[in-house]
Amino acid sequence: MLRKMEQNPQLRAKARQRTQVLRLSNQGWTVGQITAYTGRSDTSIGRDFDRWERRGVAGLADSPPPGNNATIGEAARAFLRKCLAEDRTWNAPQLADALAEQLKVRVDPETIRRHLHEMNYSWKRTRYVPAHAPEPQAEHAARAALETLKRGHAQADSA
């Protein structure tokens, strides 16, 4: 069984190496011989034996990596989906503020961006677009005011 696990390509390299240590130990190798053969320290090999005694085959697998727990859970993701389904434009700081207000979850806007990307959302820069064509009279008045501003007040007064 240990030999099959040691040669299983689906297992991570460290798990296969731990399996090798146990197999060599079962064959009667000493810790010193195993250390020389595998290049691992006595302490690491001792830990491998402890893991095997405490947890059996499950002890050969890697533990979950250390780090903070995910601050954006499924409830927060559902809230983000609900917000983005609304008929309005959101940016990451606004979504972070909404999460803090509604769910009491404080996250950085960059975290929001990363999670939105993982959720297959994409975005582009917003721009202002008129809803309809302006009235001709209002457009004429705006162009005249713009020309006045371009010429300056002194020239506009003399004209």
N, C-alpha and C. Protein backbone atom coordinates (compact mmCIF):
# COMPACT_ATOMS: atom_id res chain seq x y z
N MET A 1 0.83 -1.19 0.00
CA MET A 1 0.00 0.00 0.00
C MET A 1 0.88 1.25 0.00
N LEU A 2 1.89 1.31 0.85
CA LEU A 2 2.75 2.49 0.92
C LEU A 2 3.49 2.72 -0.39
N ARG A 3 3.90 1.64 -1.04
CA ARG A 3 4.63 1.77 -2.30
C ARG A 3 3.74 2.38 -3.38
N LYS A 4 2.46 1.95 -3.43
CA LYS A 4 1.52 2.50 -4.40
C LYS A 4 1.29 3.99 -4.15
N MET A 5 1.14 4.34 -2.88
CA MET A 5 0.93 5.76 -2.54
C MET A 5 2.17 6.58 -2.90
N GLU A 6 3.33 6.03 -2.68
CA GLU A 6 4.58 6.74 -2.97
C GLU A 6 4.72 7.02 -4.47
N GLN A 7 4.17 6.16 -5.30
CA GLN A 7 4.29 6.32 -6.74
C GLN A 7 3.07 6.97 -7.39
N ASN A 8 2.08 7.34 -6.59
CA ASN A 8 0.85 7.94 -7.11
C ASN A 8 1.11 9.39 -7.53
N PRO A 9 1.00 9.71 -8.82
CA PRO A 9 1.27 11.08 -9.26
C PRO A 9 0.21 12.09 -8.82
N GLN A 10 -0.97 11.61 -8.39
CA GLN A 10 -2.00 12.53 -7.93
C GLN A 10 -1.69 13.09 -6.54
N LEU A 11 -0.86 12.41 -5.78
CA LEU A 11 -0.48 12.91 -4.46
C LEU A 11 0.57 14.00 -4.60
N ARG A 12 0.54 14.93 -3.68
CA ARG A 12 1.55 15.98 -3.69
C ARG A 12 2.91 15.40 -3.32
N ALA A 13 3.96 16.10 -3.72
CA ALA A 13 5.32 15.59 -3.54
C ALA A 13 5.65 15.34 -2.07
N LYS A 14 5.21 16.24 -1.19
CA LYS A 14 5.51 16.05 0.23
C LYS A 14 4.83 14.81 0.80
N ALA A 15 3.59 14.58 0.37
CA ALA A 15 2.88 13.39 0.85
C ALA A 15 3.57 12.12 0.35
N ARG A 16 4.03 12.15 -0.90
CA ARG A 16 4.76 10.97 -1.42
C ARG A 16 6.07 10.77 -0.65
N GLN A 17 6.72 11.87 -0.29
CA GLN A 17 7.98 11.76 0.46
C GLN A 17 7.73 11.21 1.87
N ARG A 18 6.65 11.64 2.50
CA ARG A 18 6.31 11.11 3.83
C ARG A 18 6.03 9.61 3.73
N THR A 19 5.35 9.21 2.66
CA THR A 19 5.06 7.80 2.45
C THR A 19 6.36 7.01 2.26
N GLN A 20 7.29 7.59 1.55
CA GLN A 20 8.59 6.94 1.35
C GLN A 20 9.31 6.75 2.67
N VAL A 21 9.27 7.76 3.53
CA VAL A 21 9.92 7.67 4.85
C VAL A 21 9.33 6.50 5.63
N LEU A 22 8.00 6.39 5.63
CA LEU A 22 7.35 5.30 6.37
C LEU A 22 7.68 3.93 5.78
N ARG A 23 7.70 3.87 4.45
CA ARG A 23 8.02 2.59 3.80
C ARG A 23 9.44 2.15 4.14
N LEU A 24 10.38 3.09 4.09
CA LEU A 24 11.77 2.74 4.41
C LEU A 24 11.90 2.33 5.87
N SER A 25 11.15 2.98 6.74
CA SER A 25 11.17 2.63 8.16
C SER A 25 10.63 1.22 8.37
N ASN A 26 9.56 0.88 7.64
CA ASN A 26 8.98 -0.47 7.74
C ASN A 26 9.95 -1.54 7.23
N GLN A 27 10.84 -1.16 6.33
CA GLN A 27 11.83 -2.10 5.82
C GLN A 27 13.03 -2.24 6.76
N GLY A 28 13.02 -1.48 7.87
CA GLY A 28 14.08 -1.63 8.86
C GLY A 28 15.18 -0.58 8.78
N TRP A 29 15.02 0.42 7.97
CA TRP A 29 16.02 1.47 7.87
C TRP A 29 16.01 2.31 9.15
N THR A 30 17.13 2.80 9.56
CA THR A 30 17.22 3.68 10.72
C THR A 30 16.92 5.11 10.28
N VAL A 31 16.68 5.96 11.27
CA VAL A 31 16.40 7.36 10.98
C VAL A 31 17.60 7.99 10.28
N GLY A 32 18.79 7.67 10.69
CA GLY A 32 20.00 8.19 10.06
C GLY A 32 20.11 7.79 8.60
N GLN A 33 19.79 6.54 8.30
CA GLN A 33 19.84 6.07 6.92
C GLN A 33 18.77 6.77 6.07
N ILE A 34 17.58 6.92 6.65
CA ILE A 34 16.48 7.59 5.92
C ILE A 34 16.86 9.05 5.66
N THR A 35 17.47 9.70 6.66
CA THR A 35 17.90 11.08 6.51
C THR A 35 18.92 11.21 5.38
N ALA A 36 19.88 10.33 5.36
CA ALA A 36 20.91 10.36 4.33
C ALA A 36 20.31 10.09 2.94
N TYR A 37 19.36 9.20 2.86
CA TYR A 37 18.78 8.82 1.57
C TYR A 37 17.83 9.90 1.04
N THR A 38 16.96 10.45 1.90
CA THR A 38 15.94 11.40 1.45
C THR A 38 16.40 12.85 1.49
N GLY A 39 17.43 13.14 2.29
CA GLY A 39 17.88 14.52 2.42
C GLY A 39 17.03 15.35 3.37
N ARG A 40 16.17 14.70 4.12
CA ARG A 40 15.33 15.39 5.10
C ARG A 40 15.99 15.31 6.46
N SER A 41 15.63 16.25 7.33
CA SER A 41 16.25 16.28 8.66
C SER A 41 15.62 15.23 9.58
N ASP A 42 16.35 14.92 10.66
CA ASP A 42 15.82 13.99 11.67
C ASP A 42 14.50 14.49 12.24
N THR A 43 14.42 15.80 12.45
CA THR A 43 13.20 16.40 13.02
C THR A 43 12.01 16.18 12.10
N SER A 44 12.21 16.42 10.79
CA SER A 44 11.12 16.22 9.83
C SER A 44 10.68 14.77 9.79
N ILE A 45 11.61 13.87 9.84
CA ILE A 45 11.27 12.45 9.82
C ILE A 45 10.52 12.07 11.10
N GLY A 46 10.95 12.63 12.22
CA GLY A 46 10.23 12.39 13.48
C GLY A 46 8.79 12.90 13.42
N ARG A 47 8.61 14.06 12.79
CA ARG A 47 7.25 14.60 12.62
C ARG A 47 6.42 13.70 11.72
N ASP A 48 7.04 13.14 10.69
CA ASP A 48 6.31 12.22 9.81
C ASP A 48 5.80 11.01 10.59
N PHE A 49 6.66 10.46 11.47
CA PHE A 49 6.24 9.32 12.29
C PHE A 49 5.10 9.72 13.24
N ASP A 50 5.21 10.91 13.85
CA ASP A 50 4.15 11.38 14.75
C ASP A 50 2.82 11.54 14.01
N ARG A 51 2.88 12.11 12.83
CA ARG A 51 1.66 12.29 12.04
C ARG A 51 1.03 10.94 11.72
N TRP A 52 1.86 9.96 11.38
CA TRP A 52 1.37 8.62 11.05
C TRP A 52 0.71 7.97 12.27
N GLU A 53 1.34 8.11 13.43
CA GLU A 53 0.79 7.50 14.65
C GLU A 53 -0.51 8.17 15.08
N ARG A 54 -0.58 9.48 14.95
CA ARG A 54 -1.78 10.20 15.39
C ARG A 54 -2.94 10.08 14.41
N ARG A 55 -2.66 10.19 13.10
CA ARG A 55 -3.76 10.32 12.13
C ARG A 55 -3.78 9.24 11.06
N GLY A 56 -2.81 8.35 11.06
CA GLY A 56 -2.81 7.29 10.06
C GLY A 56 -2.55 7.83 8.66
N VAL A 57 -3.23 7.26 7.67
CA VAL A 57 -3.04 7.66 6.27
C VAL A 57 -3.39 9.14 6.08
N ALA A 58 -4.39 9.65 6.78
CA ALA A 58 -4.78 11.06 6.65
C ALA A 58 -3.64 11.99 7.07
N GLY A 59 -2.78 11.53 7.95
CA GLY A 59 -1.66 12.35 8.41
C GLY A 59 -0.59 12.55 7.35
N LEU A 60 -0.63 11.78 6.28
CA LEU A 60 0.36 11.95 5.21
C LEU A 60 0.06 13.16 4.33
N ALA A 61 -1.18 13.56 4.27
CA ALA A 61 -1.58 14.70 3.43
C ALA A 61 -1.13 16.01 4.06
N ASP A 62 -0.99 17.04 3.24
CA ASP A 62 -0.63 18.36 3.73
C ASP A 62 -1.79 18.97 4.49
N SER A 63 -1.47 19.75 5.50
CA SER A 63 -2.48 20.51 6.23
C SER A 63 -2.89 21.71 5.39
N PRO A 64 -4.04 22.29 5.68
CA PRO A 64 -4.42 23.51 4.94
C PRO A 64 -3.39 24.60 5.19
N PRO A 65 -3.12 25.43 4.21
CA PRO A 65 -2.12 26.47 4.38
C PRO A 65 -2.54 27.49 5.43
N PRO A 66 -1.57 28.05 6.16
CA PRO A 66 -1.92 29.05 7.16
C PRO A 66 -2.37 30.34 6.48
N GLY A 67 -3.05 31.16 7.22
CA GLY A 67 -3.50 32.45 6.69
C GLY A 67 -4.83 32.82 7.29
N ASN A 68 -5.25 34.00 6.98
CA ASN A 68 -6.54 34.49 7.48
C ASN A 68 -7.68 33.76 6.80
N ASN A 69 -8.78 33.66 7.52
CA ASN A 69 -9.98 33.09 6.92
C ASN A 69 -10.52 34.06 5.89
N ALA A 70 -11.21 33.55 4.92
CA ALA A 70 -11.78 34.40 3.89
C ALA A 70 -12.81 35.33 4.53
N THR A 71 -12.64 36.62 4.30
CA THR A 71 -13.57 37.59 4.88
C THR A 71 -14.83 37.70 4.04
N ILE A 72 -14.72 37.37 2.77
CA ILE A 72 -15.89 37.42 1.91
C ILE A 72 -16.42 36.01 1.76
N GLY A 73 -17.46 35.71 2.51
CA GLY A 73 -18.07 34.39 2.46
C GLY A 73 -19.18 34.36 1.44
N GLU A 74 -19.95 33.29 1.46
CA GLU A 74 -21.02 33.13 0.49
C GLU A 74 -22.12 34.18 0.68
N ALA A 75 -22.38 34.58 1.93
CA ALA A 75 -23.40 35.61 2.17
C ALA A 75 -22.96 36.94 1.54
N ALA A 76 -21.68 37.27 1.69
CA ALA A 76 -21.18 38.51 1.11
C ALA A 76 -21.19 38.44 -0.41
N ARG A 77 -20.86 37.28 -0.96
CA ARG A 77 -20.90 37.14 -2.42
C ARG A 77 -22.33 37.28 -2.94
N ALA A 78 -23.29 36.71 -2.22
CA ALA A 78 -24.69 36.85 -2.62
C ALA A 78 -25.11 38.32 -2.57
N PHE A 79 -24.66 39.03 -1.54
CA PHE A 79 -24.96 40.45 -1.42
C PHE A 79 -24.36 41.22 -2.60
N LEU A 80 -23.11 40.90 -2.97
CA LEU A 80 -22.47 41.57 -4.10
C LEU A 80 -23.24 41.30 -5.40
N ARG A 81 -23.67 40.05 -5.59
CA ARG A 81 -24.46 39.72 -6.80
C ARG A 81 -25.75 40.53 -6.83
N LYS A 82 -26.40 40.66 -5.66
CA LYS A 82 -27.65 41.42 -5.58
C LYS A 82 -27.40 42.88 -5.92
N CYS A 83 -26.33 43.46 -5.38
CA CYS A 83 -26.01 44.86 -5.67
C CYS A 83 -25.73 45.06 -7.15
N LEU A 84 -24.98 44.16 -7.74
CA LEU A 84 -24.60 44.32 -9.14
C LEU A 84 -25.75 44.06 -10.10
N ALA A 85 -26.81 43.41 -9.62
CA ALA A 85 -27.99 43.19 -10.46
C ALA A 85 -28.88 44.43 -10.50
N GLU A 86 -28.65 45.37 -9.58
CA GLU A 86 -29.44 46.61 -9.56
C GLU A 86 -29.14 47.45 -10.78
N ASP A 87 -30.06 48.36 -11.09
CA ASP A 87 -29.88 49.24 -12.24
C ASP A 87 -29.13 50.50 -11.82
N ARG A 88 -27.88 50.33 -11.44
CA ARG A 88 -27.01 51.43 -11.08
C ARG A 88 -25.57 51.00 -11.26
N THR A 89 -24.68 51.94 -11.24
CA THR A 89 -23.26 51.65 -11.41
C THR A 89 -22.59 51.65 -10.04
N TRP A 90 -21.83 50.60 -9.78
CA TRP A 90 -21.09 50.48 -8.52
C TRP A 90 -19.60 50.50 -8.83
N ASN A 91 -18.82 51.02 -7.88
CA ASN A 91 -17.37 50.84 -7.95
C ASN A 91 -16.94 50.10 -6.69
N ALA A 92 -15.69 49.67 -6.66
CA ALA A 92 -15.22 48.82 -5.56
C ALA A 92 -15.31 49.52 -4.20
N PRO A 93 -14.92 50.79 -4.07
CA PRO A 93 -15.07 51.44 -2.75
C PRO A 93 -16.54 51.52 -2.30
N GLN A 94 -17.45 51.76 -3.23
CA GLN A 94 -18.86 51.80 -2.86
C GLN A 94 -19.36 50.43 -2.40
N LEU A 95 -18.93 49.38 -3.09
CA LEU A 95 -19.32 48.04 -2.68
C LEU A 95 -18.73 47.68 -1.31
N ALA A 96 -17.49 48.10 -1.06
CA ALA A 96 -16.86 47.85 0.24
C ALA A 96 -17.64 48.57 1.34
N ASP A 97 -18.06 49.80 1.09
CA ASP A 97 -18.86 50.55 2.07
C ASP A 97 -20.22 49.88 2.30
N ALA A 98 -20.84 49.42 1.22
CA ALA A 98 -22.15 48.75 1.35
C ALA A 98 -22.02 47.46 2.15
N LEU A 99 -20.95 46.70 1.91
CA LEU A 99 -20.72 45.48 2.69
C LEU A 99 -20.54 45.80 4.17
N ALA A 100 -19.79 46.85 4.46
CA ALA A 100 -19.55 47.24 5.85
C ALA A 100 -20.85 47.67 6.51
N GLU A 101 -21.68 48.38 5.78
CA GLU A 101 -22.94 48.88 6.34
C GLU A 101 -23.98 47.77 6.54
N GLN A 102 -24.14 46.92 5.52
CA GLN A 102 -25.20 45.92 5.56
C GLN A 102 -24.81 44.65 6.32
N LEU A 103 -23.59 44.15 6.08
CA LEU A 103 -23.20 42.86 6.66
C LEU A 103 -22.14 42.99 7.75
N LYS A 104 -21.70 44.22 8.02
CA LYS A 104 -20.66 44.46 9.05
C LYS A 104 -19.36 43.74 8.71
N VAL A 105 -19.06 43.62 7.41
CA VAL A 105 -17.83 42.99 6.93
C VAL A 105 -16.97 44.09 6.34
N ARG A 106 -15.81 44.33 6.94
CA ARG A 106 -14.91 45.37 6.45
C ARG A 106 -13.83 44.74 5.58
N VAL A 107 -13.79 45.15 4.33
CA VAL A 107 -12.77 44.67 3.40
C VAL A 107 -12.24 45.85 2.58
N ASP A 108 -11.05 45.67 2.08
CA ASP A 108 -10.40 46.66 1.24
C ASP A 108 -11.03 46.63 -0.16
N PRO A 109 -11.14 47.76 -0.84
CA PRO A 109 -11.68 47.73 -2.21
C PRO A 109 -10.91 46.80 -3.14
N GLU A 110 -9.61 46.65 -2.92
CA GLU A 110 -8.84 45.73 -3.75
C GLU A 110 -9.31 44.28 -3.55
N THR A 111 -9.71 43.94 -2.33
CA THR A 111 -10.27 42.61 -2.06
C THR A 111 -11.57 42.43 -2.82
N ILE A 112 -12.38 43.48 -2.85
CA ILE A 112 -13.64 43.43 -3.61
C ILE A 112 -13.33 43.17 -5.08
N ARG A 113 -12.37 43.90 -5.64
CA ARG A 113 -12.01 43.72 -7.05
C ARG A 113 -11.57 42.28 -7.32
N ARG A 114 -10.74 41.74 -6.43
CA ARG A 114 -10.25 40.38 -6.62
C ARG A 114 -11.39 39.37 -6.59
N HIS A 115 -12.31 39.53 -5.64
CA HIS A 115 -13.44 38.59 -5.54
C HIS A 115 -14.39 38.74 -6.72
N LEU A 116 -14.60 39.97 -7.18
CA LEU A 116 -15.46 40.15 -8.36
C LEU A 116 -14.84 39.46 -9.57
N HIS A 117 -13.53 39.55 -9.69
CA HIS A 117 -12.85 38.86 -10.79
C HIS A 117 -13.03 37.35 -10.67
N GLU A 118 -12.91 36.81 -9.45
CA GLU A 118 -13.11 35.37 -9.23
C GLU A 118 -14.55 34.96 -9.53
N MET A 119 -15.49 35.91 -9.35
CA MET A 119 -16.90 35.64 -9.60
C MET A 119 -17.25 35.87 -11.08
N ASN A 120 -16.22 36.07 -11.92
CA ASN A 120 -16.38 36.28 -13.38
C ASN A 120 -17.09 37.57 -13.74
N TYR A 121 -16.95 38.59 -12.91
CA TYR A 121 -17.44 39.92 -13.26
C TYR A 121 -16.29 40.68 -13.91
N SER A 122 -16.62 41.51 -14.87
CA SER A 122 -15.63 42.40 -15.46
C SER A 122 -16.23 43.80 -15.46
N TRP A 123 -15.39 44.78 -15.66
CA TRP A 123 -15.87 46.15 -15.61
C TRP A 123 -15.03 47.00 -16.54
N LYS A 124 -15.57 48.16 -16.83
CA LYS A 124 -14.82 49.14 -17.60
C LYS A 124 -15.13 50.51 -17.02
N ARG A 125 -14.31 51.44 -17.37
CA ARG A 125 -14.46 52.79 -16.84
C ARG A 125 -15.81 53.36 -17.26
N THR A 126 -16.50 53.98 -16.34
CA THR A 126 -17.79 54.59 -16.65
C THR A 126 -17.56 55.93 -17.34
N ARG A 127 -18.52 56.32 -18.15
CA ARG A 127 -18.46 57.63 -18.78
C ARG A 127 -19.88 58.16 -18.89
N TYR A 128 -19.96 59.48 -18.93
CA TYR A 128 -21.26 60.12 -19.01
C TYR A 128 -21.71 60.19 -20.46
N VAL A 129 -22.92 59.74 -20.71
CA VAL A 129 -23.51 59.76 -22.04
C VAL A 129 -24.90 60.37 -21.90
N PRO A 130 -25.23 61.38 -22.71
CA PRO A 130 -26.58 61.96 -22.61
C PRO A 130 -27.64 60.92 -22.93
N ALA A 131 -28.74 61.02 -22.22
CA ALA A 131 -29.83 60.06 -22.41
C ALA A 131 -30.54 60.29 -23.74
N HIS A 132 -30.58 61.56 -24.20
CA HIS A 132 -31.23 61.87 -25.47
C HIS A 132 -30.55 63.10 -26.07
N ALA A 133 -30.85 63.38 -27.31
CA ALA A 133 -30.24 64.53 -27.98
C ALA A 133 -30.73 65.82 -27.32
N PRO A 134 -29.86 66.83 -27.21
CA PRO A 134 -30.28 68.09 -26.58
C PRO A 134 -31.23 68.87 -27.48
N GLU A 135 -32.01 69.75 -26.86
CA GLU A 135 -32.91 70.61 -27.64
C GLU A 135 -32.05 71.60 -28.42
N PRO A 136 -32.42 71.93 -29.63
CA PRO A 136 -31.61 72.82 -30.46
C PRO A 136 -31.37 74.20 -29.81
N GLN A 137 -32.36 74.74 -29.14
CA GLN A 137 -32.20 76.06 -28.51
C GLN A 137 -31.20 75.98 -27.36
N ALA A 138 -31.30 74.93 -26.56
CA ALA A 138 -30.38 74.77 -25.43
C ALA A 138 -28.96 74.54 -25.93
N GLU A 139 -28.83 73.78 -27.02
CA GLU A 139 -27.50 73.53 -27.58
C GLU A 139 -26.90 74.83 -28.12
N HIS A 140 -27.72 75.66 -28.79
CA HIS A 140 -27.24 76.93 -29.32
C HIS A 140 -26.78 77.85 -28.18
N ALA A 141 -27.55 77.92 -27.11
CA ALA A 141 -27.19 78.75 -25.95
C ALA A 141 -25.90 78.25 -25.31
N ALA A 142 -25.73 76.94 -25.22
CA ALA A 142 -24.52 76.38 -24.61
C ALA A 142 -23.30 76.67 -25.49
N ARG A 143 -23.45 76.56 -26.80
CA ARG A 143 -22.32 76.86 -27.70
C ARG A 143 -21.95 78.34 -27.62
N ALA A 144 -22.94 79.20 -27.53
CA ALA A 144 -22.66 80.64 -27.42
C ALA A 144 -21.93 80.94 -26.10
N ALA A 145 -22.36 80.31 -25.02
CA ALA A 145 -21.69 80.52 -23.73
C ALA A 145 -20.26 79.99 -23.78
N LEU A 146 -20.04 78.88 -24.47
CA LEU A 146 -18.70 78.34 -24.60
C LEU A 146 -17.79 79.27 -25.40
N GLU A 147 -18.31 79.84 -26.47
CA GLU A 147 -17.52 80.80 -27.26
C GLU A 147 -17.17 82.02 -26.42
N THR A 148 -18.09 82.48 -25.61
CA THR A 148 -17.84 83.63 -24.72
C THR A 148 -16.72 83.29 -23.75
N LEU A 149 -16.75 82.11 -23.20
CA LEU A 149 -15.71 81.69 -22.25
C LEU A 149 -14.36 81.56 -22.96
N LYS A 150 -14.37 81.08 -24.20
CA LYS A 150 -13.11 80.92 -24.92
C LYS A 150 -12.46 82.27 -25.21
N ARG A 151 -13.29 83.28 -25.54
CA ARG A 151 -12.76 84.61 -25.86
C ARG A 151 -12.32 85.37 -24.62
N GLY A 152 -12.87 85.05 -23.49
CA GLY A 152 -12.54 85.78 -22.26
C GLY A 152 -13.55 86.88 -22.02
N HIS A 153 -13.62 87.33 -20.79
CA HIS A 153 -14.63 88.33 -20.39
C HIS A 153 -14.37 89.68 -21.04
N ALA A 154 -13.10 90.13 -21.13
CA ALA A 154 -12.80 91.46 -21.64
C ALA A 154 -13.22 91.57 -23.10
N GLN A 155 -12.95 90.58 -23.90
CA GLN A 155 -13.30 90.63 -25.30
C GLN A 155 -14.82 90.47 -25.48
N ALA A 156 -15.44 89.68 -24.62
CA ALA A 156 -16.89 89.48 -24.73
C ALA A 156 -17.62 90.76 -24.40
N ASP A 157 -17.11 91.56 -23.47
CA ASP A 157 -17.77 92.80 -23.11
C ASP A 157 -17.65 93.84 -24.21
N SER A 158 -16.52 93.85 -24.94
CA SER A 158 -16.30 94.85 -25.98
C SER A 158 -17.03 94.50 -27.26
N ALA A 159 -17.40 93.29 -27.46
CA ALA A 159 -18.03 92.87 -28.70
C ALA A 159 -19.47 93.25 -28.79
